[in-house]
Amino acid sequence: MNKLEQLKQRSLVVADTGDIEAIRRYQPEDATTNPSLLYKAAQLPQYQQHLKDSIAWAEQKGGDVIALAAMKLAVAIGHEILQIVPGVVSTEVDARLSFDTTASIEYARQLVAMYEQAGIDRKRVLIKLASTWEGISAASVLEREGIHCNLTLLFSQCQAVACAEAGVTLISPFVGRILDWYKASTGRDDYTAKDDPGVLSVASIYEYYKAREYPTIVMGASFRNTGEIEALAGCDKLTISPQLLQELQDDNGTLADGLNSDIPNQARPAAPMREAEFRYQLNADAMATEKLAEGIRNFVADQLKLEELLQAAR
């Protein structure tokens, strides 16, 4: 039994890609997409018809044709993914709305409506939002409407705590991007899975949730190597790139021990986190502040590239 098969016995494996062929190859439970992955997928030959169809649909609707076409393309790719995976697909709200709660809610509702018009039950869709205070606030409203959310670009405990208290369905705490920051800031290049700051961050969040019996799913994301993945084996879900899925599949060794499942119960906080406290704690964490801002900027940049691609195909 290879390591990928062993991992699937301990965590739900999610494909971190919009590439349909890769999803077929590794047979994950779910799949996650984001503007960067959609931009890459949209350049593949098999998606060219989706581009044309999305533009044609948007032109009939009127308004901002390219913005609508980008939404339609995301839903079209998500719809195709859902014909393969048995679980859910994550589709992201435009990162330019990361600090606008009302606009994020409306965008999410529109995405879900598009999925439902395509015959997809909203239970099979996770709406991805950045883990800003505004994104978490939007998720709180959406969850009460039966729209399940995946809070991404999550780098700190305060973000995780606020998400759990908001009743978010799933969080995607990042591993590799945290490691990137520490390597750059310390000059160290010899981190192992045992002292990897990203692994330690996700393990801490996982333990915090389980000790307090929060139902929010923890899905480790943004891996740089298979050692990080093995160290988090047992996490609720792990979203993994095709390259690392292949490395796990090719390895017939024994999977590492992973997370400790024996976690004593602890009481939840007496009062929910306030906005001021959230912002203070996030600001006090230089890594989380920098990586959250950088992540939003990068997603916006790739969203703009995707829109340019659609404009060129029009």
C-alpha atoms as a PDB file:
ATOM      1  CA  MET A   1       0.000   0.000   0.000  1.00  0.00           C
ATOM      2  CA  ASN A   2       1.536   3.333  -1.046  1.00  0.00           C
ATOM      3  CA  LYS A   3       1.559   6.419   1.155  1.00  0.00           C
ATOM      4  CA  LEU A   4      -1.352   8.062  -0.650  1.00  0.00           C
ATOM      5  CA  GLU A   5      -3.528   5.042   0.065  1.00  0.00           C
ATOM      6  CA  GLN A   6      -2.378   5.036   3.694  1.00  0.00           C
ATOM      7  CA  LEU A   7      -3.124   8.758   3.977  1.00  0.00           C
ATOM      8  CA  LYS A   8      -6.650   8.265   2.631  1.00  0.00           C
ATOM      9  CA  GLN A   9      -7.293   5.908   5.550  1.00  0.00           C
ATOM     10  CA  ARG A  10      -6.505   8.671   8.033  1.00  0.00           C
ATOM     11  CA  SER A  11      -7.571  11.951   6.364  1.00  0.00           C
ATOM     12  CA  LEU A  12      -9.951  12.933   3.587  1.00  0.00           C
ATOM     13  CA  VAL A  13      -7.711  13.807   0.653  1.00  0.00           C
ATOM     14  CA  VAL A  14      -8.642  16.825  -1.461  1.00  0.00           C
ATOM     15  CA  ALA A  15      -7.112  17.770  -4.822  1.00  0.00           C
ATOM     16  CA  ASP A  16      -5.686  21.283  -4.846  1.00  0.00           C
ATOM     17  CA  THR A  17      -6.191  21.826  -8.574  1.00  0.00           C
ATOM     18  CA  GLY A  18      -8.684  22.682 -11.281  1.00  0.00           C
ATOM     19  CA  ASP A  19      -7.129  20.142 -13.651  1.00  0.00           C
ATOM     20  CA  ILE A  20      -9.819  17.550 -14.400  1.00  0.00           C
ATOM     21  CA  GLU A  21      -7.360  14.907 -15.574  1.00  0.00           C
ATOM     22  CA  ALA A  22      -5.334  15.183 -12.363  1.00  0.00           C
ATOM     23  CA  ILE A  23      -8.517  14.828 -10.319  1.00  0.00           C
ATOM     24  CA  ARG A  24      -9.467  11.681 -12.233  1.00  0.00           C
ATOM     25  CA  ARG A  25      -5.993  10.243 -11.712  1.00  0.00           C
ATOM     26  CA  TYR A  26      -5.808  10.619  -7.925  1.00  0.00           C
ATOM     27  CA  GLN A  27      -9.495  10.119  -7.035  1.00  0.00           C
ATOM     28  CA  PRO A  28      -9.722  12.603  -4.141  1.00  0.00           C
ATOM     29  CA  GLU A  29     -12.804  13.101  -1.985  1.00  0.00           C
ATOM     30  CA  ASP A  30     -13.107  16.834  -2.822  1.00  0.00           C
ATOM     31  CA  ALA A  31     -11.357  19.479  -4.899  1.00  0.00           C
ATOM     32  CA  THR A  32     -10.421  23.082  -4.181  1.00  0.00           C
ATOM     33  CA  THR A  33      -9.992  25.900  -6.682  1.00  0.00           C
ATOM     34  CA  ASN A  34      -8.831  29.499  -6.449  1.00  0.00           C
ATOM     35  CA  PRO A  35      -8.105  32.274  -8.991  1.00  0.00           C
ATOM     36  CA  SER A  36      -4.529  31.043  -9.483  1.00  0.00           C
ATOM     37  CA  LEU A  37      -5.637  27.475 -10.188  1.00  0.00           C
ATOM     38  CA  LEU A  38      -8.504  28.620 -12.424  1.00  0.00           C
ATOM     39  CA  TYR A  39      -6.127  30.806 -14.428  1.00  0.00           C
ATOM     40  CA  LYS A  40      -3.838  27.809 -14.992  1.00  0.00           C
ATOM     41  CA  ALA A  41      -6.760  25.537 -15.849  1.00  0.00           C
ATOM     42  CA  ALA A  42      -8.267  28.074 -18.256  1.00  0.00           C
ATOM     43  CA  GLN A  43      -5.127  27.885 -20.396  1.00  0.00           C
ATOM     44  CA  LEU A  44      -5.473  24.131 -20.935  1.00  0.00           C
ATOM     45  CA  PRO A  45      -6.887  23.048 -24.336  1.00  0.00           C
ATOM     46  CA  GLN A  46      -9.746  21.074 -22.784  1.00  0.00           C
ATOM     47  CA  TYR A  47     -11.151  24.237 -21.167  1.00  0.00           C
ATOM     48  CA  GLN A  48     -11.332  26.442 -24.236  1.00  0.00           C
ATOM     49  CA  GLN A  49     -14.977  25.599 -24.853  1.00  0.00           C
ATOM     50  CA  HIS A  50     -15.784  26.584 -21.273  1.00  0.00           C
ATOM     51  CA  LEU A  51     -14.190  29.982 -21.917  1.00  0.00           C
ATOM     52  CA  LYS A  52     -16.304  30.538 -25.025  1.00  0.00           C
ATOM     53  CA  ASP A  53     -19.497  29.328 -23.365  1.00  0.00           C
ATOM     54  CA  SER A  54     -18.907  31.516 -20.301  1.00  0.00           C
ATOM     55  CA  ILE A  55     -18.408  34.617 -22.442  1.00  0.00           C
ATOM     56  CA  ALA A  56     -21.507  33.857 -24.533  1.00  0.00           C
ATOM     57  CA  TRP A  57     -23.595  33.381 -21.388  1.00  0.00           C
ATOM     58  CA  ALA A  58     -22.305  36.616 -19.842  1.00  0.00           C
ATOM     59  CA  GLU A  59     -22.984  38.616 -23.013  1.00  0.00           C
ATOM     60  CA  GLN A  60     -26.627  37.557 -22.857  1.00  0.00           C
ATOM     61  CA  LYS A  61     -26.870  38.708 -19.245  1.00  0.00           C
ATOM     62  CA  GLY A  62     -25.419  42.176 -19.883  1.00  0.00           C
ATOM     63  CA  GLY A  63     -23.617  44.265 -17.291  1.00  0.00           C
ATOM     64  CA  ASP A  64     -19.937  43.602 -16.611  1.00  0.00           C
ATOM     65  CA  VAL A  65     -19.490  40.820 -19.151  1.00  0.00           C
ATOM     66  CA  ILE A  66     -15.944  39.816 -18.193  1.00  0.00           C
ATOM     67  CA  ALA A  67     -16.644  39.722 -14.441  1.00  0.00           C
ATOM     68  CA  LEU A  68     -19.752  37.602 -15.040  1.00  0.00           C
ATOM     69  CA  ALA A  69     -17.870  35.344 -17.445  1.00  0.00           C
ATOM     70  CA  ALA A  70     -15.185  34.758 -14.792  1.00  0.00           C
ATOM     71  CA  MET A  71     -17.856  33.687 -12.312  1.00  0.00           C
ATOM     72  CA  LYS A  72     -19.518  31.459 -14.886  1.00  0.00           C
ATOM     73  CA  LEU A  73     -16.182  29.862 -15.793  1.00  0.00           C
ATOM     74  CA  ALA A  74     -15.461  29.096 -12.132  1.00  0.00           C
ATOM     75  CA  VAL A  75     -18.873  27.449 -11.807  1.00  0.00           C
ATOM     76  CA  ALA A  76     -18.449  25.536 -15.080  1.00  0.00           C
ATOM     77  CA  ILE A  77     -15.127  24.092 -13.948  1.00  0.00           C
ATOM     78  CA  GLY A  78     -16.580  23.385 -10.509  1.00  0.00           C
ATOM     79  CA  HIS A  79     -19.543  21.629 -12.128  1.00  0.00           C
ATOM     80  CA  GLU A  80     -17.216  19.425 -14.163  1.00  0.00           C
ATOM     81  CA  ILE A  81     -15.149  18.587 -11.084  1.00  0.00           C
ATOM     82  CA  LEU A  82     -18.302  17.542  -9.234  1.00  0.00           C
ATOM     83  CA  GLN A  83     -18.997  14.929 -11.901  1.00  0.00           C
ATOM     84  CA  ILE A  84     -15.810  13.198 -10.705  1.00  0.00           C
ATOM     85  CA  VAL A  85     -15.390  13.784  -6.960  1.00  0.00           C
ATOM     86  CA  PRO A  86     -17.989  12.349  -4.568  1.00  0.00           C
ATOM     87  CA  GLY A  87     -17.747  15.275  -2.149  1.00  0.00           C
ATOM     88  CA  VAL A  88     -17.585  19.035  -2.576  1.00  0.00           C
ATOM     89  CA  VAL A  89     -15.785  21.684  -4.611  1.00  0.00           C
ATOM     90  CA  SER A  90     -14.546  25.015  -3.280  1.00  0.00           C
ATOM     91  CA  THR A  91     -15.108  28.122  -5.410  1.00  0.00           C
ATOM     92  CA  GLU A  92     -13.663  31.472  -4.398  1.00  0.00           C
ATOM     93  CA  VAL A  93     -15.222  34.887  -3.979  1.00  0.00           C
ATOM     94  CA  ASP A  94     -13.337  37.609  -5.875  1.00  0.00           C
ATOM     95  CA  ALA A  95     -10.391  38.525  -3.631  1.00  0.00           C
ATOM     96  CA  ARG A  96     -10.958  42.208  -4.399  1.00  0.00           C
ATOM     97  CA  LEU A  97     -13.943  41.926  -2.039  1.00  0.00           C
ATOM     98  CA  SER A  98     -11.895  40.642   0.898  1.00  0.00           C
ATOM     99  CA  PHE A  99     -12.678  43.726   2.986  1.00  0.00           C
ATOM    100  CA  ASP A 100     -16.313  44.162   1.934  1.00  0.00           C
ATOM    101  CA  THR A 101     -18.722  41.967   3.888  1.00  0.00           C
ATOM    102  CA  THR A 102     -21.890  42.949   2.009  1.00  0.00           C
ATOM    103  CA  ALA A 103     -20.366  42.540  -1.450  1.00  0.00           C
ATOM    104  CA  SER A 104     -18.826  39.187  -0.478  1.00  0.00           C
ATOM    105  CA  ILE A 105     -22.233  37.917   0.656  1.00  0.00           C
ATOM    106  CA  GLU A 106     -23.872  38.973  -2.610  1.00  0.00           C
ATOM    107  CA  TYR A 107     -21.071  37.441  -4.707  1.00  0.00           C
ATOM    108  CA  ALA A 108     -21.365  34.163  -2.792  1.00  0.00           C
ATOM    109  CA  ARG A 109     -25.136  34.076  -3.224  1.00  0.00           C
ATOM    110  CA  GLN A 110     -24.687  34.625  -6.958  1.00  0.00           C
ATOM    111  CA  LEU A 111     -22.168  31.780  -7.235  1.00  0.00           C
ATOM    112  CA  VAL A 112     -24.485  29.417  -5.380  1.00  0.00           C
ATOM    113  CA  ALA A 113     -27.429  30.459  -7.569  1.00  0.00           C
ATOM    114  CA  MET A 114     -25.350  29.648 -10.662  1.00  0.00           C
ATOM    115  CA  TYR A 115     -24.508  26.218  -9.283  1.00  0.00           C
ATOM    116  CA  GLU A 116     -28.152  25.549  -8.448  1.00  0.00           C
ATOM    117  CA  GLN A 117     -29.208  26.625 -11.944  1.00  0.00           C
ATOM    118  CA  ALA A 118     -26.716  24.045 -13.250  1.00  0.00           C
ATOM    119  CA  GLY A 119     -28.391  21.363 -11.138  1.00  0.00           C
ATOM    120  CA  ILE A 120     -25.838  21.289  -8.305  1.00  0.00           C
ATOM    121  CA  ASP A 121     -27.108  21.233  -4.716  1.00  0.00           C
ATOM    122  CA  ARG A 122     -25.575  23.983  -2.571  1.00  0.00           C
ATOM    123  CA  LYS A 123     -24.482  21.304  -0.095  1.00  0.00           C
ATOM    124  CA  ARG A 124     -21.832  20.236  -2.617  1.00  0.00           C
ATOM    125  CA  VAL A 125     -20.266  23.697  -2.838  1.00  0.00           C
ATOM    126  CA  LEU A 126     -17.961  25.491  -0.420  1.00  0.00           C
ATOM    127  CA  ILE A 127     -17.650  29.223  -0.920  1.00  0.00           C
ATOM    128  CA  LYS A 128     -14.065  30.340  -0.318  1.00  0.00           C
ATOM    129  CA  LEU A 129     -13.452  33.632   1.440  1.00  0.00           C
ATOM    130  CA  ALA A 130     -10.267  35.221   2.754  1.00  0.00           C
ATOM    131  CA  SER A 131      -9.929  35.007   6.552  1.00  0.00           C
ATOM    132  CA  THR A 132     -10.240  38.745   7.080  1.00  0.00           C
ATOM    133  CA  TRP A 133     -12.689  39.996   9.700  1.00  0.00           C
ATOM    134  CA  GLU A 134     -15.001  40.972   6.839  1.00  0.00           C
ATOM    135  CA  GLY A 135     -14.679  37.566   5.186  1.00  0.00           C
ATOM    136  CA  ILE A 136     -15.426  35.755   8.431  1.00  0.00           C
ATOM    137  CA  SER A 137     -18.405  38.065   9.059  1.00  0.00           C
ATOM    138  CA  ALA A 138     -19.735  37.282   5.574  1.00  0.00           C
ATOM    139  CA  ALA A 139     -19.314  33.559   6.224  1.00  0.00           C
ATOM    140  CA  SER A 140     -21.320  33.846   9.442  1.00  0.00           C
ATOM    141  CA  VAL A 141     -24.277  35.241   7.487  1.00  0.00           C
ATOM    142  CA  LEU A 142     -23.920  32.752   4.631  1.00  0.00           C
ATOM    143  CA  GLU A 143     -23.723  29.737   6.931  1.00  0.00           C
ATOM    144  CA  ARG A 144     -27.062  30.720   8.479  1.00  0.00           C
ATOM    145  CA  GLU A 145     -28.524  30.672   4.945  1.00  0.00           C
ATOM    146  CA  GLY A 146     -27.253  27.149   4.325  1.00  0.00           C
ATOM    147  CA  ILE A 147     -24.327  28.315   2.179  1.00  0.00           C
ATOM    148  CA  HIS A 148     -21.264  26.494   3.454  1.00  0.00           C
ATOM    149  CA  CYS A 149     -17.927  28.291   3.527  1.00  0.00           C
ATOM    150  CA  ASN A 150     -14.214  27.550   3.306  1.00  0.00           C
ATOM    151  CA  LEU A 151     -12.118  30.272   4.954  1.00  0.00           C
ATOM    152  CA  THR A 152      -8.770  30.468   3.208  1.00  0.00           C
ATOM    153  CA  LEU A 153      -5.529  32.437   3.644  1.00  0.00           C
ATOM    154  CA  LEU A 154      -5.576  31.447   7.290  1.00  0.00           C
ATOM    155  CA  PHE A 155      -2.236  31.799   9.084  1.00  0.00           C
ATOM    156  CA  SER A 156      -2.971  32.438  12.751  1.00  0.00           C
ATOM    157  CA  GLN A 157      -4.802  31.219  15.824  1.00  0.00           C
ATOM    158  CA  CYS A 158      -6.979  34.329  16.052  1.00  0.00           C
ATOM    159  CA  GLN A 159      -8.280  33.739  12.527  1.00  0.00           C
ATOM    160  CA  ALA A 160      -9.031  30.114  13.382  1.00  0.00           C
ATOM    161  CA  VAL A 161     -10.807  31.016  16.629  1.00  0.00           C
ATOM    162  CA  ALA A 162     -12.964  33.661  14.916  1.00  0.00           C
ATOM    163  CA  CYS A 163     -13.912  31.178  12.173  1.00  0.00           C
ATOM    164  CA  ALA A 164     -14.980  28.522  14.675  1.00  0.00           C
ATOM    165  CA  GLU A 165     -17.037  31.038  16.645  1.00  0.00           C
ATOM    166  CA  ALA A 166     -18.694  32.192  13.396  1.00  0.00           C
ATOM    167  CA  GLY A 167     -19.852  28.634  12.651  1.00  0.00           C
ATOM    168  CA  VAL A 168     -17.754  28.265   9.512  1.00  0.00           C
ATOM    169  CA  THR A 169     -17.962  24.831   7.882  1.00  0.00           C
ATOM    170  CA  LEU A 170     -14.269  24.504   7.007  1.00  0.00           C
ATOM    171  CA  ILE A 171     -10.992  26.369   7.319  1.00  0.00           C
ATOM    172  CA  SER A 172      -7.863  26.044   5.181  1.00  0.00           C
ATOM    173  CA  PRO A 173      -4.888  26.859   7.416  1.00  0.00           C
ATOM    174  CA  PHE A 174      -1.770  27.237   5.284  1.00  0.00           C
ATOM    175  CA  VAL A 175       1.438  25.331   5.882  1.00  0.00           C
ATOM    176  CA  GLY A 176       3.959  26.048   3.131  1.00  0.00           C
ATOM    177  CA  ARG A 177       3.478  29.802   3.019  1.00  0.00           C
ATOM    178  CA  ILE A 178       4.167  29.997   6.750  1.00  0.00           C
ATOM    179  CA  LEU A 179       7.352  28.003   6.218  1.00  0.00           C
ATOM    180  CA  ASP A 180       8.317  30.342   3.364  1.00  0.00           C
ATOM    181  CA  TRP A 181       8.031  33.351   5.675  1.00  0.00           C
ATOM    182  CA  TYR A 182      10.114  31.812   8.426  1.00  0.00           C
ATOM    183  CA  LYS A 183      12.814  30.697   6.007  1.00  0.00           C
ATOM    184  CA  ALA A 184      13.046  34.231   4.629  1.00  0.00           C
ATOM    185  CA  SER A 185      12.954  35.941   8.021  1.00  0.00           C
ATOM    186  CA  THR A 186      15.366  33.638   9.874  1.00  0.00           C
ATOM    187  CA  GLY A 187      17.684  32.602   7.046  1.00  0.00           C
ATOM    188  CA  ARG A 188      17.204  28.985   8.122  1.00  0.00           C
ATOM    189  CA  ASP A 189      16.779  26.373   5.425  1.00  0.00           C
ATOM    190  CA  ASP A 190      16.959  23.222   7.525  1.00  0.00           C
ATOM    191  CA  TYR A 191      13.441  22.965   8.963  1.00  0.00           C
ATOM    192  CA  THR A 192      12.167  19.405   9.352  1.00  0.00           C
ATOM    193  CA  ALA A 193       8.561  18.254   9.613  1.00  0.00           C
ATOM    194  CA  LYS A 194       8.909  18.231  13.418  1.00  0.00           C
ATOM    195  CA  ASP A 195       9.845  21.910  13.718  1.00  0.00           C
ATOM    196  CA  ASP A 196       8.193  23.237  10.552  1.00  0.00           C
ATOM    197  CA  PRO A 197       6.340  26.418  11.706  1.00  0.00           C
ATOM    198  CA  GLY A 198       3.481  25.761   9.268  1.00  0.00           C
ATOM    199  CA  VAL A 199       2.976  22.213  10.518  1.00  0.00           C
ATOM    200  CA  LEU A 200       3.080  23.386  14.135  1.00  0.00           C
ATOM    201  CA  SER A 201       0.508  26.104  13.390  1.00  0.00           C
ATOM    202  CA  VAL A 202      -2.000  23.703  11.834  1.00  0.00           C
ATOM    203  CA  ALA A 203      -1.440  21.100  14.566  1.00  0.00           C
ATOM    204  CA  SER A 204      -2.137  23.765  17.203  1.00  0.00           C
ATOM    205  CA  ILE A 205      -5.358  24.842  15.482  1.00  0.00           C
ATOM    206  CA  TYR A 206      -6.465  21.214  15.092  1.00  0.00           C
ATOM    207  CA  GLU A 207      -5.855  20.538  18.797  1.00  0.00           C
ATOM    208  CA  TYR A 208      -7.663  23.759  19.798  1.00  0.00           C
ATOM    209  CA  TYR A 209     -10.755  22.790  17.799  1.00  0.00           C
ATOM    210  CA  LYS A 210     -10.868  19.160  18.935  1.00  0.00           C
ATOM    211  CA  ALA A 211     -10.317  20.029  22.603  1.00  0.00           C
ATOM    212  CA  ARG A 212     -13.304  22.397  22.481  1.00  0.00           C
ATOM    213  CA  GLU A 213     -15.437  20.226  20.187  1.00  0.00           C
ATOM    214  CA  TYR A 214     -15.859  22.820  17.456  1.00  0.00           C
ATOM    215  CA  PRO A 215     -17.451  21.151  14.407  1.00  0.00           C
ATOM    216  CA  THR A 216     -15.490  23.316  11.937  1.00  0.00           C
ATOM    217  CA  ILE A 217     -13.409  21.085   9.653  1.00  0.00           C
ATOM    218  CA  VAL A 218      -9.644  21.668   9.566  1.00  0.00           C
ATOM    219  CA  MET A 219      -8.167  21.210   6.093  1.00  0.00           C
ATOM    220  CA  GLY A 220      -4.398  21.655   5.941  1.00  0.00           C
ATOM    221  CA  ALA A 221      -3.345  23.444   2.737  1.00  0.00           C
ATOM    222  CA  SER A 222      -0.398  24.936   0.843  1.00  0.00           C
ATOM    223  CA  PHE A 223       2.141  22.150   1.238  1.00  0.00           C
ATOM    224  CA  ARG A 224       5.751  22.416   0.115  1.00  0.00           C
ATOM    225  CA  ASN A 225       6.756  18.768   0.586  1.00  0.00           C
ATOM    226  CA  THR A 226       5.349  15.374   1.538  1.00  0.00           C
ATOM    227  CA  GLY A 227       6.999  15.543   4.969  1.00  0.00           C
ATOM    228  CA  GLU A 228       4.588  18.322   5.939  1.00  0.00           C
ATOM    229  CA  ILE A 229       1.663  16.211   4.736  1.00  0.00           C
ATOM    230  CA  GLU A 230       2.764  13.146   6.666  1.00  0.00           C
ATOM    231  CA  ALA A 231       3.235  15.217   9.829  1.00  0.00           C
ATOM    232  CA  LEU A 232      -0.433  16.266   9.547  1.00  0.00           C
ATOM    233  CA  ALA A 233      -1.843  12.839   8.693  1.00  0.00           C
ATOM    234  CA  GLY A 234      -5.054  12.474  10.681  1.00  0.00           C
ATOM    235  CA  CYS A 235      -6.126  16.081  10.091  1.00  0.00           C
ATOM    236  CA  ASP A 236      -9.786  16.187   9.016  1.00  0.00           C
ATOM    237  CA  LYS A 237      -8.877  16.986   5.424  1.00  0.00           C
ATOM    238  CA  LEU A 238      -5.688  17.764   3.498  1.00  0.00           C
ATOM    239  CA  THR A 239      -5.729  19.568   0.149  1.00  0.00           C
ATOM    240  CA  ILE A 240      -2.728  18.529  -1.922  1.00  0.00           C
ATOM    241  CA  SER A 241      -1.286  19.526  -5.297  1.00  0.00           C
ATOM    242  CA  PRO A 242      -1.059  16.906  -8.101  1.00  0.00           C
ATOM    243  CA  GLN A 243       2.746  16.894  -7.866  1.00  0.00           C
ATOM    244  CA  LEU A 244       2.733  15.952  -4.184  1.00  0.00           C
ATOM    245  CA  LEU A 245      -0.130  13.491  -4.681  1.00  0.00           C
ATOM    246  CA  GLN A 246       2.061  11.732  -7.244  1.00  0.00           C
ATOM    247  CA  GLU A 247       5.033  11.669  -4.863  1.00  0.00           C
ATOM    248  CA  LEU A 248       2.870  10.052  -2.176  1.00  0.00           C
ATOM    249  CA  GLN A 249       1.504   7.554  -4.680  1.00  0.00           C
ATOM    250  CA  ASP A 250       5.019   6.594  -5.777  1.00  0.00           C
ATOM    251  CA  ASP A 251       6.234   6.036  -2.194  1.00  0.00           C
ATOM    252  CA  ASN A 252       5.618   2.547  -0.802  1.00  0.00           C
ATOM    253  CA  GLY A 253       7.100   3.310   2.616  1.00  0.00           C
ATOM    254  CA  THR A 254       5.208   3.578   5.898  1.00  0.00           C
ATOM    255  CA  LEU A 255       3.361   6.836   6.516  1.00  0.00           C
ATOM    256  CA  ALA A 256       4.604   8.873   9.497  1.00  0.00           C
ATOM    257  CA  ASP A 257       2.604   8.930  12.738  1.00  0.00           C
ATOM    258  CA  GLY A 258       0.990  12.323  12.098  1.00  0.00           C
ATOM    259  CA  LEU A 259      -1.299  14.152  14.522  1.00  0.00           C
ATOM    260  CA  ASN A 260      -2.093  13.018  18.044  1.00  0.00           C
ATOM    261  CA  SER A 261      -5.785  12.142  18.298  1.00  0.00           C
ATOM    262  CA  ASP A 262      -5.789  11.878  22.118  1.00  0.00           C
ATOM    263  CA  ILE A 263      -6.732  15.458  23.023  1.00  0.00           C
ATOM    264  CA  PRO A 264      -8.279  16.261  26.442  1.00  0.00           C
ATOM    265  CA  ASN A 265     -11.423  18.391  26.457  1.00  0.00           C
ATOM    266  CA  GLN A 266     -11.202  22.064  27.364  1.00  0.00           C
ATOM    267  CA  ALA A 267     -13.823  24.769  27.857  1.00  0.00           C
ATOM    268  CA  ARG A 268     -14.588  27.206  25.065  1.00  0.00           C
ATOM    269  CA  PRO A 269     -13.937  30.931  25.624  1.00  0.00           C
ATOM    270  CA  ALA A 270     -16.541  32.564  27.857  1.00  0.00           C
ATOM    271  CA  ALA A 271     -17.201  35.291  25.247  1.00  0.00           C
ATOM    272  CA  PRO A 272     -16.694  35.360  21.477  1.00  0.00           C
ATOM    273  CA  MET A 273     -13.726  37.209  20.021  1.00  0.00           C
ATOM    274  CA  ARG A 274     -14.448  40.872  19.364  1.00  0.00           C
ATOM    275  CA  GLU A 275     -13.383  42.639  16.180  1.00  0.00           C
ATOM    276  CA  ALA A 276     -10.920  44.859  18.039  1.00  0.00           C
ATOM    277  CA  GLU A 277      -9.252  41.843  19.662  1.00  0.00           C
ATOM    278  CA  PHE A 278      -9.093  39.999  16.334  1.00  0.00           C
ATOM    279  CA  ARG A 279      -7.439  42.930  14.611  1.00  0.00           C
ATOM    280  CA  TYR A 280      -4.994  43.445  17.468  1.00  0.00           C
ATOM    281  CA  GLN A 281      -3.931  39.793  17.554  1.00  0.00           C
ATOM    282  CA  LEU A 282      -3.589  39.612  13.781  1.00  0.00           C
ATOM    283  CA  ASN A 283      -1.556  42.826  13.728  1.00  0.00           C
ATOM    284  CA  ALA A 284       0.714  41.450  16.463  1.00  0.00           C
ATOM    285  CA  ASP A 285       1.545  38.453  14.252  1.00  0.00           C
ATOM    286  CA  ALA A 286       3.856  39.825  11.554  1.00  0.00           C
ATOM    287  CA  MET A 287       3.890  36.579   9.597  1.00  0.00           C
ATOM    288  CA  ALA A 288       0.096  36.253   9.473  1.00  0.00           C
ATOM    289  CA  THR A 289      -0.393  39.930   8.619  1.00  0.00           C
ATOM    290  CA  GLU A 290       2.137  39.839   5.795  1.00  0.00           C
ATOM    291  CA  LYS A 291       1.053  36.488   4.337  1.00  0.00           C
ATOM    292  CA  LEU A 292      -2.647  37.382   4.428  1.00  0.00           C
ATOM    293  CA  ALA A 293      -2.014  40.652   2.587  1.00  0.00           C
ATOM    294  CA  GLU A 294       0.326  38.972   0.110  1.00  0.00           C
ATOM    295  CA  GLY A 295      -2.158  36.154  -0.515  1.00  0.00           C
ATOM    296  CA  ILE A 296      -4.965  38.580  -1.280  1.00  0.00           C
ATOM    297  CA  ARG A 297      -2.722  40.564  -3.641  1.00  0.00           C
ATOM    298  CA  ASN A 298      -1.654  37.397  -5.468  1.00  0.00           C
ATOM    299  CA  PHE A 299      -5.214  36.130  -5.848  1.00  0.00           C
ATOM    300  CA  VAL A 300      -6.286  39.528  -7.183  1.00  0.00           C
ATOM    301  CA  ALA A 301      -3.396  39.489  -9.665  1.00  0.00           C
ATOM    302  CA  ASP A 302      -4.413  36.052 -10.963  1.00  0.00           C
ATOM    303  CA  GLN A 303      -8.078  37.081 -11.095  1.00  0.00           C
ATOM    304  CA  LEU A 304      -7.050  39.988 -13.316  1.00  0.00           C
ATOM    305  CA  LYS A 305      -5.008  37.624 -15.520  1.00  0.00           C
ATOM    306  CA  LEU A 306      -8.021  35.343 -15.825  1.00  0.00           C
ATOM    307  CA  GLU A 307     -10.192  38.287 -16.834  1.00  0.00           C
ATOM    308  CA  GLU A 308      -7.576  39.323 -19.420  1.00  0.00           C
ATOM    309  CA  LEU A 309      -7.671  35.785 -20.804  1.00  0.00           C
ATOM    310  CA  LEU A 310     -11.451  35.988 -21.105  1.00  0.00           C
ATOM    311  CA  GLN A 311     -11.232  39.411 -22.727  1.00  0.00           C
ATOM    312  CA  ALA A 312      -8.770  38.059 -25.308  1.00  0.00           C
ATOM    313  CA  ALA A 313     -11.061  35.114 -26.065  1.00  0.00           C
ATOM    314  CA  ARG A 314     -14.100  37.358 -26.511  1.00  0.00           C
END
